[in-house]
Protein backbone atom coordinates (compact mmCIF):
# COMPACT_ATOMS: atom_id res chain seq x y z
CA UNK A 1 0.00 0.00 0.00
CA UNK A 2 1.45 3.32 -1.00
CA UNK A 3 1.38 6.56 0.93
CA UNK A 4 -0.64 7.99 -1.94
CA UNK A 5 -3.47 5.50 -1.48
CA UNK A 6 -3.30 5.89 2.28
CA UNK A 7 -3.89 9.64 1.84
CA UNK A 8 -6.74 9.14 -0.57
CA UNK A 9 -8.59 6.64 1.54
CA UNK A 10 -8.16 8.08 5.00
CA UNK A 11 -7.56 11.80 4.62
CA UNK A 12 -9.62 12.78 1.60
CA UNK A 13 -12.47 15.21 1.93
CA UNK A 14 -15.67 15.34 -0.07
CA UNK A 15 -16.03 18.59 -1.96
CA UNK A 16 -18.46 18.07 -4.85
CA UNK A 17 -22.04 17.07 -5.31
CA UNK A 18 -23.25 13.74 -6.58
CA UNK A 19 -21.82 12.62 -9.92
CA UNK A 20 -23.93 9.77 -11.23
CA UNK A 21 -21.46 8.75 -13.96
CA UNK A 22 -18.12 10.48 -13.26
CA UNK A 23 -16.31 8.50 -15.95
CA UNK A 24 -18.23 10.49 -18.56
CA UNK A 25 -16.46 13.67 -17.46
CA UNK A 26 -13.16 12.45 -18.89
CA UNK A 27 -12.31 11.81 -22.51
CA UNK A 28 -9.59 9.63 -24.01
CA UNK A 29 -9.51 7.11 -21.19
CA UNK A 30 -7.35 4.16 -22.09
CA UNK A 31 -9.17 0.81 -22.05
CA UNK A 32 -12.44 2.75 -22.12
CA UNK A 33 -14.47 -0.09 -23.65
CA UNK A 34 -13.22 -2.62 -21.13
CA UNK A 35 -13.74 -0.17 -18.28
CA UNK A 36 -17.34 0.48 -19.30
CA UNK A 37 -17.95 -3.27 -19.45
CA UNK A 38 -16.58 -3.56 -15.92
CA UNK A 39 -18.83 -0.71 -14.78
CA UNK A 40 -21.87 -2.50 -16.18
CA UNK A 41 -20.83 -5.83 -14.69
CA UNK A 42 -20.32 -4.34 -11.22
CA UNK A 43 -23.50 -2.24 -11.56
CA UNK A 44 -21.66 0.91 -10.53
CA UNK A 45 -24.02 2.98 -12.68
CA UNK A 46 -26.68 2.59 -9.98
CA UNK A 47 -24.58 4.10 -7.20
CA UNK A 48 -23.92 7.65 -6.06
CA UNK A 49 -20.47 9.20 -6.27
CA UNK A 50 -18.75 12.14 -4.71
CA UNK A 51 -15.49 13.60 -5.82
CA UNK A 52 -12.58 13.58 -3.40
CA UNK A 53 -9.38 15.51 -3.14
CA UNK A 54 -6.69 13.91 -5.25
CA UNK A 55 -2.98 13.88 -4.51
CA UNK A 56 -2.36 14.68 -8.19
CA UNK A 57 -3.98 17.44 -10.29
CA UNK A 58 -4.04 15.00 -13.22
CA UNK A 59 -6.13 12.40 -11.40
CA UNK A 60 -9.79 12.69 -10.46
CA UNK A 61 -10.93 10.52 -7.57
CA UNK A 62 -14.54 9.49 -7.02
CA UNK A 63 -15.85 7.39 -4.16
CA UNK A 64 -19.17 5.60 -4.19
CA UNK A 65 -21.76 5.57 -1.44
CA UNK A 66 -23.35 2.16 -1.67
CA UNK A 67 -26.27 0.93 0.38
CA UNK A 68 -24.23 -2.05 1.59
CA UNK A 69 -22.26 -1.48 4.79
CA UNK A 70 -18.56 -2.25 4.35
CA UNK A 71 -18.63 -2.30 0.54
CA UNK A 72 -16.95 0.63 -1.18
CA UNK A 73 -14.96 1.46 -4.26
CA UNK A 74 -12.93 4.40 -5.48
CA UNK A 75 -12.42 5.35 -9.12
CA UNK A 76 -9.10 6.97 -10.02
CA UNK A 77 -9.47 8.51 -13.46
CA UNK A 78 -7.11 10.57 -15.61
CA UNK A 79 -6.85 11.59 -19.26
CA UNK A 80 -4.92 9.21 -21.54
CA UNK A 81 -4.50 6.67 -18.74
CA UNK A 82 -6.31 3.47 -17.87
CA UNK A 83 -8.62 3.74 -14.84
CA UNK A 84 -7.60 2.29 -11.49
CA UNK A 85 -10.22 1.09 -9.01
CA UNK A 86 -9.81 0.26 -5.32
CA UNK A 87 -12.48 -1.98 -3.80
CA UNK A 88 -13.17 -2.39 -0.09
CA UNK A 89 -15.16 -5.38 1.13
CA UNK A 90 -15.19 -5.28 4.93
CA UNK A 91 -11.51 -5.70 5.86
CA UNK A 92 -10.33 -6.69 2.39
CA UNK A 93 -8.80 -4.17 0.00
CA UNK A 94 -8.46 -5.02 -3.70
CA UNK A 95 -7.01 -3.10 -6.64
CA UNK A 96 -8.37 -3.40 -10.18
CA UNK A 97 -6.17 -2.14 -13.01
CA UNK A 98 -5.69 -2.80 -16.72
CA UNK A 99 -2.66 -4.25 -18.46
CA UNK A 100 -1.35 -3.17 -21.88
CA UNK A 101 -3.90 -5.43 -23.56
CA UNK A 102 -6.66 -3.86 -21.42
CA UNK A 103 -7.19 -7.05 -19.48
CA UNK A 104 -8.38 -6.57 -15.91
CA UNK A 105 -5.78 -7.30 -13.24
CA UNK A 106 -7.07 -7.82 -9.70
CA UNK A 107 -4.58 -7.75 -6.85
CA UNK A 108 -5.02 -7.82 -3.09
CA UNK A 109 -3.64 -4.72 -1.41
CA UNK A 110 -2.31 -4.32 2.11
CA UNK A 111 -3.86 -1.76 4.40
CA UNK A 112 -1.46 0.97 5.60
CA UNK A 113 0.60 -0.25 8.56
CA UNK A 114 -1.21 1.92 11.09
CA UNK A 115 -4.60 0.54 10.06
CA UNK A 116 -3.42 -3.04 9.59
CA UNK A 117 -1.90 -3.03 13.08
CA UNK A 118 -5.16 -2.39 14.90
CA UNK A 119 -7.32 -4.46 12.54
CA UNK A 120 -5.07 -7.40 13.33
CA UNK A 121 -5.75 -6.87 17.05
CA UNK A 122 -9.52 -6.84 16.74
CA UNK A 123 -11.36 -8.19 19.76
CA UNK A 124 -14.83 -9.65 20.11
CA UNK A 125 -16.17 -6.61 21.92
CA UNK A 126 -14.95 -4.11 19.31
CA UNK A 127 -17.27 -2.19 16.98
CA UNK A 128 -17.10 -3.72 13.50
CA UNK A 129 -18.95 -3.53 10.19
CA UNK A 130 -21.20 -6.28 11.55
CA UNK A 131 -21.92 -4.10 14.59
CA UNK A 132 -22.74 -1.17 12.34
CA UNK A 133 -25.10 -3.31 10.24
CA UNK A 134 -26.88 -4.48 13.39
CA UNK A 135 -27.29 -0.95 14.72
CA UNK A 136 -28.63 0.49 11.48
CA UNK A 137 -30.93 -2.44 10.67
CA UNK A 138 -32.76 -1.97 13.98
CA UNK A 139 -34.89 0.71 12.34
CA UNK A 140 -34.21 3.07 15.23
CA UNK A 141 -32.71 6.55 15.02
CA UNK A 142 -29.48 7.40 16.75
CA UNK A 143 -26.00 8.85 16.84
CA UNK A 144 -22.70 7.03 16.63
CA UNK A 145 -20.26 9.22 18.53
CA UNK A 146 -16.67 8.64 17.38
CA UNK A 147 -14.21 10.11 19.87
CA UNK A 148 -10.53 10.05 20.75
CA UNK A 149 -8.77 10.62 24.08
CA UNK A 150 -6.22 12.72 22.19
CA UNK A 151 -8.88 15.24 21.12
CA UNK A 152 -9.94 16.98 24.32
CA UNK A 153 -13.24 18.37 23.07
CA UNK A 154 -14.37 14.97 21.85
CA UNK A 155 -13.93 13.73 25.42
CA UNK A 156 -15.42 16.64 27.35
CA UNK A 157 -18.41 17.03 25.04
CA UNK A 158 -19.45 13.37 25.26
CA UNK A 159 -21.75 13.65 28.33
CA UNK A 160 -23.53 16.68 26.85
CA UNK A 161 -24.13 14.89 23.54
CA UNK A 162 -25.43 11.81 25.31
CA UNK A 163 -27.84 13.88 27.36
CA UNK A 164 -29.09 15.52 24.15
CA UNK A 165 -29.50 12.10 22.53
CA UNK A 166 -31.76 11.05 25.42
CA UNK A 167 -33.66 14.33 25.15
CA UNK A 168 -34.18 13.91 21.40
CA UNK A 169 -35.04 10.20 21.83
CA UNK A 170 -32.00 9.10 19.84
CA UNK A 171 -29.79 6.11 20.60
CA UNK A 172 -26.28 7.02 21.67
CA UNK A 173 -23.45 4.71 20.66
CA UNK A 174 -19.91 5.84 21.54
CA UNK A 175 -16.95 4.28 19.76
CA UNK A 176 -13.33 5.22 20.34
CA UNK A 177 -10.30 5.70 18.12
CA UNK A 178 -8.65 2.24 17.93
CA UNK A 179 -5.20 3.81 17.81
CA UNK A 180 -5.65 4.90 21.44
CA UNK A 181 -4.14 2.73 24.15
CA UNK A 182 -6.25 1.35 26.98
CA UNK A 183 -4.38 3.61 29.40
CA UNK A 184 -5.24 6.68 27.31
CA UNK A 185 -8.91 5.69 27.15
CA UNK A 186 -9.18 4.99 30.87
CA UNK A 187 -7.28 8.17 31.73
CA UNK A 188 -9.60 10.30 29.61
CA UNK A 189 -12.68 8.77 31.20
CA UNK A 190 -11.29 9.22 34.71
CA UNK A 191 -10.71 12.92 34.06
CA UNK A 192 -14.16 13.24 32.48
CA UNK A 193 -15.91 11.61 35.43
CA UNK A 194 -14.11 13.89 37.85
CA UNK A 195 -15.19 16.97 35.89
CA UNK A 196 -18.77 15.99 35.06
CA UNK A 197 -20.83 14.84 38.04
CA UNK A 198 -23.52 13.51 35.71
CA UNK A 199 -21.08 11.44 33.65
CA UNK A 200 -20.96 8.49 36.03
CA UNK A 201 -24.76 8.22 35.86
CA UNK A 202 -24.80 7.81 32.10
CA UNK A 203 -24.89 4.37 30.53
CA UNK A 204 -21.99 4.99 28.14
CA UNK A 205 -19.65 6.36 30.79
CA UNK A 206 -20.61 4.03 33.60
CA UNK A 207 -18.73 1.11 32.11
CA UNK A 208 -15.44 1.03 30.27
CA UNK A 209 -16.71 -1.97 28.32
CA UNK A 210 -19.14 0.38 26.57
CA UNK A 211 -16.17 2.27 25.12
CA UNK A 212 -15.73 -0.01 22.13
CA UNK A 213 -12.86 0.51 19.73
CA UNK A 214 -14.03 1.26 16.23
CA UNK A 215 -12.90 -1.42 13.79
CA UNK A 216 -15.52 -0.62 11.17
CA UNK A 217 -13.79 0.03 7.84
CA UNK A 218 -17.10 1.50 6.67
CA UNK A 219 -16.71 4.42 9.09
CA UNK A 220 -13.12 4.90 7.94
CA UNK A 221 -14.34 5.18 4.36
CA UNK A 222 -16.70 7.87 5.65
CA UNK A 223 -13.60 9.84 6.69
CA UNK A 224 -13.81 8.66 10.28
CA UNK A 225 -10.18 9.45 11.07
CA UNK A 226 -10.16 13.03 9.84
CA UNK A 227 -11.20 14.72 13.05
CA UNK A 228 -12.83 14.08 16.43
CA UNK A 229 -15.57 14.12 17.51
CA UNK A 230 -17.53 12.79 14.56
CA UNK A 231 -21.25 12.00 14.82
CA UNK A 232 -22.85 9.63 12.34
CA UNK A 233 -26.62 9.87 12.21
CA UNK A 234 -28.66 6.79 11.34
CA UNK A 235 -32.37 6.23 10.82
CA UNK A 236 -34.81 4.30 8.61
CA UNK A 237 -32.30 1.44 8.32
CA UNK A 238 -29.85 3.79 6.59
CA UNK A 239 -26.88 6.03 7.28
CA UNK A 240 -26.44 9.28 5.31
CA UNK A 241 -23.31 9.98 3.28
CA UNK A 242 -22.79 13.11 5.38
CA UNK A 243 -21.77 13.39 9.02
CA UNK A 244 -21.39 15.95 11.78
CA UNK A 245 -17.91 16.91 12.90
CA UNK A 246 -16.70 19.03 15.78
CA UNK A 247 -18.53 20.48 18.78
CA UNK A 248 -22.01 21.72 17.87
CA UNK A 249 -24.52 23.87 19.69
CA UNK A 250 -27.65 22.15 20.94
CA UNK A 251 -29.82 23.62 18.19
CA UNK A 252 -27.16 23.10 15.55
CA UNK A 253 -26.85 19.41 16.37
CA UNK A 254 -30.62 18.95 16.54
CA UNK A 255 -31.14 20.77 13.23
CA UNK A 256 -28.42 18.95 11.30
CA UNK A 257 -29.50 15.59 12.65
CA UNK A 258 -33.11 16.27 11.69
CA UNK A 259 -32.07 17.40 8.20
CA UNK A 260 -30.01 14.28 7.60
CA UNK A 261 -32.90 12.04 8.65
CA UNK A 262 -35.37 13.89 6.41
CA UNK A 263 -33.04 13.37 3.44
CA UNK A 264 -33.21 9.61 3.87
CA UNK A 265 -35.85 7.98 1.71
Foldseek 3Di string as FASTA:
>chain_A
DDPQVLCQQQPKDFDDAWDLCVVVVEPQAPLVVVVVVVCVVVVSSPWTWTWIDHPDPQWTKIKTDDQQFQWIKIWIDGHNYHIKMWITRFPWIWIWTADPVGDIDIDTDDHPPLLVVLLVVDDPLACESVNVLVVLQVQFKAKEKEAELVALCLLQCVVVVCVLCVVVVHDYQYEYASSDDPVSLVVSLVVNCVVDVCQCVDPCSVDPSSHHHYSYVSCSSLNVPNAPTKMWIHHRSGTASDTDHDDDDSVRVVVVNVVRVVPPD
